[in-house]
N, C-alpha and C. Protein backbone atom coordinates (compact mmCIF):
# COMPACT_ATOMS: atom_id res chain seq x y z
N UNK A 1 0.82 -1.19 0.00
CA UNK A 1 0.00 0.00 0.00
C UNK A 1 0.87 1.26 0.00
N UNK A 2 1.94 1.25 0.81
CA UNK A 2 2.83 2.40 0.86
C UNK A 2 3.53 2.61 -0.47
N UNK A 3 3.85 1.51 -1.17
CA UNK A 3 4.52 1.60 -2.46
C UNK A 3 3.61 2.25 -3.50
N UNK A 4 2.33 1.88 -3.49
CA UNK A 4 1.37 2.44 -4.44
C UNK A 4 1.19 3.93 -4.17
N UNK A 5 1.06 4.29 -2.90
CA UNK A 5 0.90 5.69 -2.53
C UNK A 5 2.14 6.50 -2.92
N UNK A 6 3.31 5.96 -2.67
CA UNK A 6 4.56 6.65 -3.02
C UNK A 6 4.66 6.83 -4.52
N UNK A 7 4.26 5.82 -5.30
CA UNK A 7 4.30 5.89 -6.76
C UNK A 7 3.33 6.96 -7.27
N UNK A 8 2.12 7.00 -6.68
CA UNK A 8 1.14 8.01 -7.09
C UNK A 8 1.63 9.42 -6.76
N UNK A 9 2.21 9.60 -5.60
CA UNK A 9 2.73 10.92 -5.23
C UNK A 9 3.88 11.35 -6.14
N UNK A 10 4.76 10.41 -6.47
CA UNK A 10 5.87 10.72 -7.36
C UNK A 10 5.36 11.09 -8.76
N UNK A 11 4.35 10.36 -9.24
CA UNK A 11 3.76 10.65 -10.55
C UNK A 11 3.09 12.02 -10.56
N UNK A 12 2.39 12.36 -9.48
CA UNK A 12 1.73 13.67 -9.39
C UNK A 12 2.77 14.79 -9.38
N UNK A 13 3.87 14.56 -8.69
CA UNK A 13 4.93 15.57 -8.66
C UNK A 13 5.53 15.77 -10.04
N UNK A 14 5.71 14.70 -10.80
CA UNK A 14 6.25 14.82 -12.15
C UNK A 14 5.30 15.56 -13.08
N UNK A 15 4.00 15.31 -12.90
CA UNK A 15 3.01 16.01 -13.74
C UNK A 15 2.94 17.49 -13.39
N UNK A 16 3.11 17.84 -12.14
CA UNK A 16 3.02 19.23 -11.70
C UNK A 16 4.28 20.02 -12.04
N UNK A 17 5.41 19.35 -12.21
CA UNK A 17 6.68 20.05 -12.43
C UNK A 17 6.67 20.94 -13.68
N UNK A 18 6.17 20.47 -14.84
CA UNK A 18 6.16 21.37 -16.01
C UNK A 18 5.29 22.60 -15.81
N UNK A 19 4.17 22.46 -15.11
CA UNK A 19 3.29 23.60 -14.86
C UNK A 19 3.99 24.61 -13.97
N UNK A 20 4.59 24.14 -12.90
CA UNK A 20 5.31 25.04 -12.00
C UNK A 20 6.48 25.71 -12.72
N UNK A 21 7.17 24.96 -13.57
CA UNK A 21 8.30 25.50 -14.31
C UNK A 21 7.84 26.59 -15.29
N UNK A 22 6.72 26.35 -15.98
CA UNK A 22 6.19 27.32 -16.94
C UNK A 22 5.76 28.60 -16.23
N UNK A 23 5.16 28.48 -15.05
CA UNK A 23 4.74 29.66 -14.31
C UNK A 23 5.94 30.43 -13.78
N UNK A 24 6.98 29.74 -13.41
CA UNK A 24 8.16 30.38 -12.86
C UNK A 24 8.88 31.22 -13.91
N UNK A 25 8.83 30.83 -15.18
CA UNK A 25 9.58 31.53 -16.23
C UNK A 25 8.70 32.46 -17.06
N UNK A 26 7.62 32.92 -16.51
CA UNK A 26 6.75 33.86 -17.22
C UNK A 26 7.49 35.19 -17.37
N UNK A 27 7.65 35.67 -18.60
CA UNK A 27 8.43 36.91 -18.79
C UNK A 27 7.73 38.12 -18.17
N UNK A 28 8.54 39.01 -17.65
CA UNK A 28 8.03 40.26 -17.08
C UNK A 28 7.67 41.21 -18.23
N UNK A 29 6.91 42.28 -17.93
CA UNK A 29 6.62 43.26 -18.99
C UNK A 29 7.90 43.84 -19.61
N UNK A 30 8.91 44.10 -18.78
CA UNK A 30 10.17 44.63 -19.31
C UNK A 30 10.84 43.62 -20.26
N UNK A 31 10.79 42.34 -19.93
CA UNK A 31 11.38 41.31 -20.79
C UNK A 31 10.61 41.18 -22.10
N UNK A 32 9.27 41.27 -22.04
CA UNK A 32 8.47 41.19 -23.26
C UNK A 32 8.75 42.38 -24.17
N UNK A 33 8.88 43.57 -23.57
CA UNK A 33 9.18 44.76 -24.38
C UNK A 33 10.57 44.65 -24.99
N UNK A 34 11.53 44.18 -24.21
CA UNK A 34 12.90 44.02 -24.73
C UNK A 34 12.93 43.04 -25.90
N UNK A 35 12.12 41.99 -25.83
CA UNK A 35 12.07 41.01 -26.93
C UNK A 35 11.50 41.65 -28.20
N UNK A 36 10.46 42.48 -28.04
CA UNK A 36 9.88 43.18 -29.20
C UNK A 36 10.88 44.13 -29.85
N UNK A 37 11.73 44.74 -29.02
CA UNK A 37 12.65 45.76 -29.51
C UNK A 37 14.04 45.24 -29.83
N UNK A 38 14.23 43.93 -29.72
CA UNK A 38 15.56 43.34 -29.95
C UNK A 38 16.10 43.74 -31.32
N UNK A 39 17.36 44.19 -31.34
CA UNK A 39 18.01 44.59 -32.58
C UNK A 39 17.68 46.00 -33.03
N UNK A 40 16.94 46.74 -32.22
CA UNK A 40 16.56 48.11 -32.57
C UNK A 40 17.25 49.10 -31.64
N UNK A 41 17.35 50.34 -32.10
CA UNK A 41 18.01 51.39 -31.35
C UNK A 41 17.00 52.51 -31.09
N UNK A 42 16.99 53.02 -29.86
CA UNK A 42 16.06 54.09 -29.49
C UNK A 42 16.51 55.42 -30.11
N UNK A 43 15.52 56.19 -30.54
CA UNK A 43 15.78 57.52 -31.06
C UNK A 43 15.27 58.56 -30.08
N UNK A 44 15.24 59.80 -30.53
CA UNK A 44 14.78 60.91 -29.70
C UNK A 44 13.25 60.84 -29.57
N UNK A 45 12.72 60.91 -28.33
CA UNK A 45 11.27 60.87 -28.15
C UNK A 45 10.56 62.01 -28.88
N UNK A 46 9.35 61.71 -29.35
CA UNK A 46 8.52 62.71 -30.01
C UNK A 46 7.18 62.79 -29.30
N UNK A 47 6.49 63.92 -29.47
CA UNK A 47 5.20 64.10 -28.80
C UNK A 47 4.03 63.50 -29.57
N UNK A 48 4.17 63.35 -30.90
CA UNK A 48 3.05 62.87 -31.71
C UNK A 48 3.53 61.93 -32.81
N UNK A 49 2.61 61.05 -33.22
CA UNK A 49 2.85 60.21 -34.40
C UNK A 49 1.64 60.32 -35.32
N UNK A 50 1.84 60.08 -36.59
CA UNK A 50 0.78 60.19 -37.59
C UNK A 50 -0.15 58.98 -37.49
N UNK A 51 -1.44 59.25 -37.34
CA UNK A 51 -2.42 58.15 -37.30
C UNK A 51 -2.56 57.47 -38.65
N UNK A 52 -2.48 58.25 -39.74
CA UNK A 52 -2.68 57.66 -41.07
C UNK A 52 -1.53 56.73 -41.45
N UNK A 53 -0.36 56.93 -40.85
CA UNK A 53 0.80 56.08 -41.15
C UNK A 53 0.93 54.89 -40.19
N UNK A 54 0.14 54.89 -39.12
CA UNK A 54 0.23 53.83 -38.11
C UNK A 54 -0.43 52.57 -38.64
N UNK A 55 0.36 51.49 -38.69
CA UNK A 55 -0.15 50.23 -39.21
C UNK A 55 -0.86 49.39 -38.17
N UNK A 56 -0.31 49.32 -36.97
CA UNK A 56 -0.91 48.49 -35.93
C UNK A 56 -0.39 48.94 -34.57
N UNK A 57 -0.98 48.36 -33.55
CA UNK A 57 -0.49 48.61 -32.19
C UNK A 57 -0.51 47.29 -31.43
N UNK A 58 0.34 47.21 -30.44
CA UNK A 58 0.45 46.01 -29.62
C UNK A 58 0.60 46.44 -28.16
N UNK A 59 -0.15 45.77 -27.29
CA UNK A 59 -0.11 46.08 -25.87
C UNK A 59 0.90 45.17 -25.18
N UNK A 60 1.77 45.77 -24.38
CA UNK A 60 2.65 45.02 -23.49
C UNK A 60 2.02 45.17 -22.11
N UNK A 61 1.42 44.09 -21.63
CA UNK A 61 0.63 44.12 -20.40
C UNK A 61 1.34 44.88 -19.28
N UNK A 62 0.61 45.83 -18.69
CA UNK A 62 1.10 46.57 -17.56
C UNK A 62 2.26 47.51 -17.82
N UNK A 63 2.62 47.72 -19.10
CA UNK A 63 3.84 48.46 -19.39
C UNK A 63 3.69 49.54 -20.46
N UNK A 64 3.29 49.14 -21.67
CA UNK A 64 3.38 50.08 -22.79
C UNK A 64 2.46 49.67 -23.94
N UNK A 65 2.35 50.61 -24.89
CA UNK A 65 1.70 50.35 -26.17
C UNK A 65 2.77 50.58 -27.23
N UNK A 66 2.91 49.62 -28.15
CA UNK A 66 3.91 49.73 -29.21
C UNK A 66 3.16 49.93 -30.53
N UNK A 67 3.40 51.07 -31.17
CA UNK A 67 2.77 51.41 -32.44
C UNK A 67 3.76 51.17 -33.58
N UNK A 68 3.29 50.54 -34.65
CA UNK A 68 4.12 50.31 -35.83
C UNK A 68 3.80 51.37 -36.88
N UNK A 69 4.83 52.13 -37.25
CA UNK A 69 4.71 53.15 -38.29
C UNK A 69 5.81 52.85 -39.30
N UNK A 70 5.44 52.23 -40.41
CA UNK A 70 6.43 51.79 -41.39
C UNK A 70 7.34 50.75 -40.76
N UNK A 71 8.65 50.99 -40.79
CA UNK A 71 9.63 50.07 -40.19
C UNK A 71 10.03 50.49 -38.78
N UNK A 72 9.38 51.51 -38.26
CA UNK A 72 9.72 52.04 -36.95
C UNK A 72 8.69 51.61 -35.92
N UNK A 73 9.16 51.21 -34.75
CA UNK A 73 8.27 50.91 -33.62
C UNK A 73 8.34 52.09 -32.66
N UNK A 74 7.18 52.64 -32.34
CA UNK A 74 7.11 53.74 -31.37
C UNK A 74 6.55 53.18 -30.07
N UNK A 75 7.32 53.31 -29.01
CA UNK A 75 6.92 52.80 -27.71
C UNK A 75 6.38 53.95 -26.88
N UNK A 76 5.16 53.75 -26.37
CA UNK A 76 4.56 54.74 -25.50
C UNK A 76 4.32 54.10 -24.14
N UNK A 77 5.05 54.59 -23.15
CA UNK A 77 4.83 54.16 -21.77
C UNK A 77 3.96 55.23 -21.13
N UNK A 78 2.67 54.92 -20.92
CA UNK A 78 1.75 55.93 -20.42
C UNK A 78 2.20 56.56 -19.10
N UNK A 79 1.87 57.84 -18.96
CA UNK A 79 2.19 58.56 -17.72
C UNK A 79 1.32 58.10 -16.57
N UNK A 80 0.15 57.57 -16.89
CA UNK A 80 -0.77 57.09 -15.86
C UNK A 80 -1.67 56.01 -16.42
N UNK A 81 -1.96 55.00 -15.62
CA UNK A 81 -2.90 53.95 -16.01
C UNK A 81 -2.29 52.75 -16.70
N UNK A 82 -0.97 52.69 -16.85
CA UNK A 82 -0.33 51.57 -17.56
C UNK A 82 -0.60 50.23 -16.87
N UNK A 83 -0.80 50.26 -15.56
CA UNK A 83 -1.05 49.02 -14.83
C UNK A 83 -2.35 48.36 -15.26
N UNK A 84 -3.24 49.11 -15.91
CA UNK A 84 -4.51 48.56 -16.38
C UNK A 84 -4.41 47.93 -17.77
N UNK A 85 -3.29 48.13 -18.44
CA UNK A 85 -3.11 47.60 -19.80
C UNK A 85 -3.00 46.09 -19.79
N UNK A 86 -3.75 45.44 -20.66
CA UNK A 86 -3.55 44.02 -20.91
C UNK A 86 -4.14 43.68 -22.27
N UNK A 87 -3.83 42.49 -22.74
CA UNK A 87 -4.27 42.06 -24.07
C UNK A 87 -5.77 41.93 -24.21
N UNK A 88 -6.49 42.01 -23.10
CA UNK A 88 -7.94 41.88 -23.12
C UNK A 88 -8.62 43.24 -23.23
N UNK A 89 -7.84 44.28 -23.46
CA UNK A 89 -8.38 45.64 -23.54
C UNK A 89 -8.50 46.10 -24.98
N UNK A 90 -9.60 46.76 -25.27
CA UNK A 90 -9.76 47.47 -26.53
C UNK A 90 -9.37 48.91 -26.25
N UNK A 91 -8.50 49.47 -27.07
CA UNK A 91 -8.03 50.84 -26.88
C UNK A 91 -8.90 51.79 -27.70
N UNK A 92 -9.51 52.76 -27.05
CA UNK A 92 -10.36 53.74 -27.73
C UNK A 92 -9.75 55.11 -27.50
N UNK A 93 -9.33 55.75 -28.60
CA UNK A 93 -8.65 57.03 -28.51
C UNK A 93 -9.44 58.10 -29.25
N UNK A 94 -9.72 59.19 -28.58
CA UNK A 94 -10.34 60.36 -29.22
C UNK A 94 -9.21 61.35 -29.47
N UNK A 95 -8.94 61.58 -30.75
CA UNK A 95 -7.84 62.49 -31.10
C UNK A 95 -8.39 63.78 -31.68
N UNK A 96 -7.54 64.78 -31.67
CA UNK A 96 -7.88 66.07 -32.25
C UNK A 96 -6.94 66.28 -33.43
N UNK A 97 -7.40 65.93 -34.62
CA UNK A 97 -6.56 66.04 -35.80
C UNK A 97 -6.11 64.67 -36.27
N UNK A 98 -5.04 64.68 -37.07
CA UNK A 98 -4.57 63.46 -37.72
C UNK A 98 -3.40 62.81 -36.99
N UNK A 99 -3.16 63.25 -35.75
CA UNK A 99 -2.04 62.70 -35.01
C UNK A 99 -2.48 62.16 -33.66
N UNK A 100 -1.73 61.18 -33.18
CA UNK A 100 -1.88 60.66 -31.83
C UNK A 100 -0.77 61.31 -31.02
N UNK A 101 -1.14 62.00 -29.94
CA UNK A 101 -0.16 62.80 -29.20
C UNK A 101 -0.11 62.44 -27.72
N UNK A 102 0.97 62.87 -27.10
CA UNK A 102 1.21 62.57 -25.70
C UNK A 102 0.18 63.21 -24.77
N UNK A 103 -0.62 64.13 -25.26
CA UNK A 103 -1.66 64.73 -24.43
C UNK A 103 -2.99 63.98 -24.53
N UNK A 104 -3.06 62.98 -25.42
CA UNK A 104 -4.30 62.24 -25.64
C UNK A 104 -4.56 61.24 -24.52
N UNK A 105 -5.85 60.98 -24.32
CA UNK A 105 -6.30 60.02 -23.32
C UNK A 105 -6.84 58.79 -24.07
N UNK A 106 -6.51 57.60 -23.58
CA UNK A 106 -6.99 56.35 -24.18
C UNK A 106 -7.92 55.68 -23.19
N UNK A 107 -9.14 55.42 -23.64
CA UNK A 107 -10.09 54.69 -22.80
C UNK A 107 -9.89 53.19 -23.03
N UNK A 108 -10.05 52.41 -21.99
CA UNK A 108 -9.89 50.96 -22.07
C UNK A 108 -11.25 50.30 -21.91
N UNK A 109 -11.59 49.45 -22.87
CA UNK A 109 -12.86 48.71 -22.85
C UNK A 109 -12.53 47.22 -22.77
N UNK A 110 -13.23 46.50 -21.89
CA UNK A 110 -13.01 45.06 -21.76
C UNK A 110 -13.49 44.35 -23.03
N UNK A 111 -12.64 43.53 -23.61
CA UNK A 111 -12.93 42.86 -24.87
C UNK A 111 -14.10 41.87 -24.76
N UNK A 112 -14.31 41.28 -23.60
CA UNK A 112 -15.38 40.28 -23.43
C UNK A 112 -16.72 40.90 -23.05
N UNK A 113 -16.72 41.80 -22.09
CA UNK A 113 -17.98 42.37 -21.60
C UNK A 113 -18.33 43.70 -22.26
N UNK A 114 -17.36 44.34 -22.89
CA UNK A 114 -17.50 45.66 -23.50
C UNK A 114 -17.79 46.76 -22.48
N UNK A 115 -17.48 46.49 -21.22
CA UNK A 115 -17.61 47.50 -20.18
C UNK A 115 -16.32 48.32 -20.09
N UNK A 116 -16.44 49.60 -19.75
CA UNK A 116 -15.24 50.41 -19.56
C UNK A 116 -14.38 49.85 -18.42
N UNK A 117 -13.06 49.86 -18.61
CA UNK A 117 -12.13 49.36 -17.59
C UNK A 117 -11.30 50.46 -16.98
N UNK A 118 -11.32 51.64 -17.57
CA UNK A 118 -10.50 52.74 -17.08
C UNK A 118 -9.94 53.53 -18.24
N UNK A 119 -8.89 54.26 -17.96
CA UNK A 119 -8.24 55.06 -19.00
C UNK A 119 -6.78 55.23 -18.64
N UNK A 120 -6.03 55.69 -19.63
CA UNK A 120 -4.62 56.00 -19.39
C UNK A 120 -4.27 57.26 -20.14
N UNK A 121 -3.26 57.96 -19.63
CA UNK A 121 -2.78 59.16 -20.31
C UNK A 121 -1.44 58.84 -20.95
N UNK A 122 -1.37 59.09 -22.24
CA UNK A 122 -0.18 58.74 -23.00
C UNK A 122 1.03 59.57 -22.59
N UNK A 123 2.20 58.99 -22.80
CA UNK A 123 3.46 59.69 -22.59
C UNK A 123 4.08 59.99 -23.95
N UNK A 124 5.37 60.26 -23.97
CA UNK A 124 6.07 60.50 -25.22
C UNK A 124 6.23 59.20 -26.00
N UNK A 125 6.40 59.33 -27.30
CA UNK A 125 6.59 58.19 -28.19
C UNK A 125 8.08 58.07 -28.50
N UNK A 126 8.66 56.93 -28.11
CA UNK A 126 10.09 56.73 -28.35
C UNK A 126 10.24 55.85 -29.59
N UNK A 127 10.87 56.37 -30.67
CA UNK A 127 11.04 55.57 -31.89
C UNK A 127 12.19 54.58 -31.74
N UNK A 128 11.97 53.37 -32.23
CA UNK A 128 13.01 52.33 -32.26
C UNK A 128 13.16 51.86 -33.70
N UNK A 129 14.36 51.99 -34.22
CA UNK A 129 14.64 51.59 -35.60
C UNK A 129 15.80 50.60 -35.63
N UNK A 130 15.88 49.87 -36.71
CA UNK A 130 17.03 48.98 -36.90
C UNK A 130 18.21 49.82 -37.33
N UNK A 131 19.39 49.54 -36.78
CA UNK A 131 20.58 50.32 -37.19
C UNK A 131 20.89 50.10 -38.66
N UNK A 132 21.36 51.15 -39.29
CA UNK A 132 21.74 51.04 -40.70
C UNK A 132 23.01 50.22 -40.80
N UNK A 133 23.01 49.33 -41.79
CA UNK A 133 24.19 48.48 -42.01
C UNK A 133 25.30 49.29 -42.68
N UNK A 134 26.50 49.16 -42.15
CA UNK A 134 27.62 49.87 -42.76
C UNK A 134 28.21 49.01 -43.88
N UNK A 135 28.70 49.65 -44.91
CA UNK A 135 29.24 48.93 -46.07
C UNK A 135 30.67 48.52 -45.85
């Protein structure tokens, strides 16, 4: 009886090990952002980016919004409300003109319930580009 119990406990421990290991190595927001920006160099921050040139945006949970404009990634770390950012949020931005600027407010809507989740105030946009290859 003790042998069967010991075998069952050992088997349960082996099954739980991959789950515990996967949870232990969950990347932090800083690590996820660093992975997105790998091989790129930061430029001088700007206050606004062109909405018509923006191809897509990606949320880094609890950290930032990354906007793709051509081959450049613009990282915006909000001045307030970044802790509410997650992949389950719909970003709703009311802009004045054709640009998204650091003075704009982004409302967050829950993707499943469509209820408001809060808002955040944007910060400066830091451009990240790939370095030019030297000949």
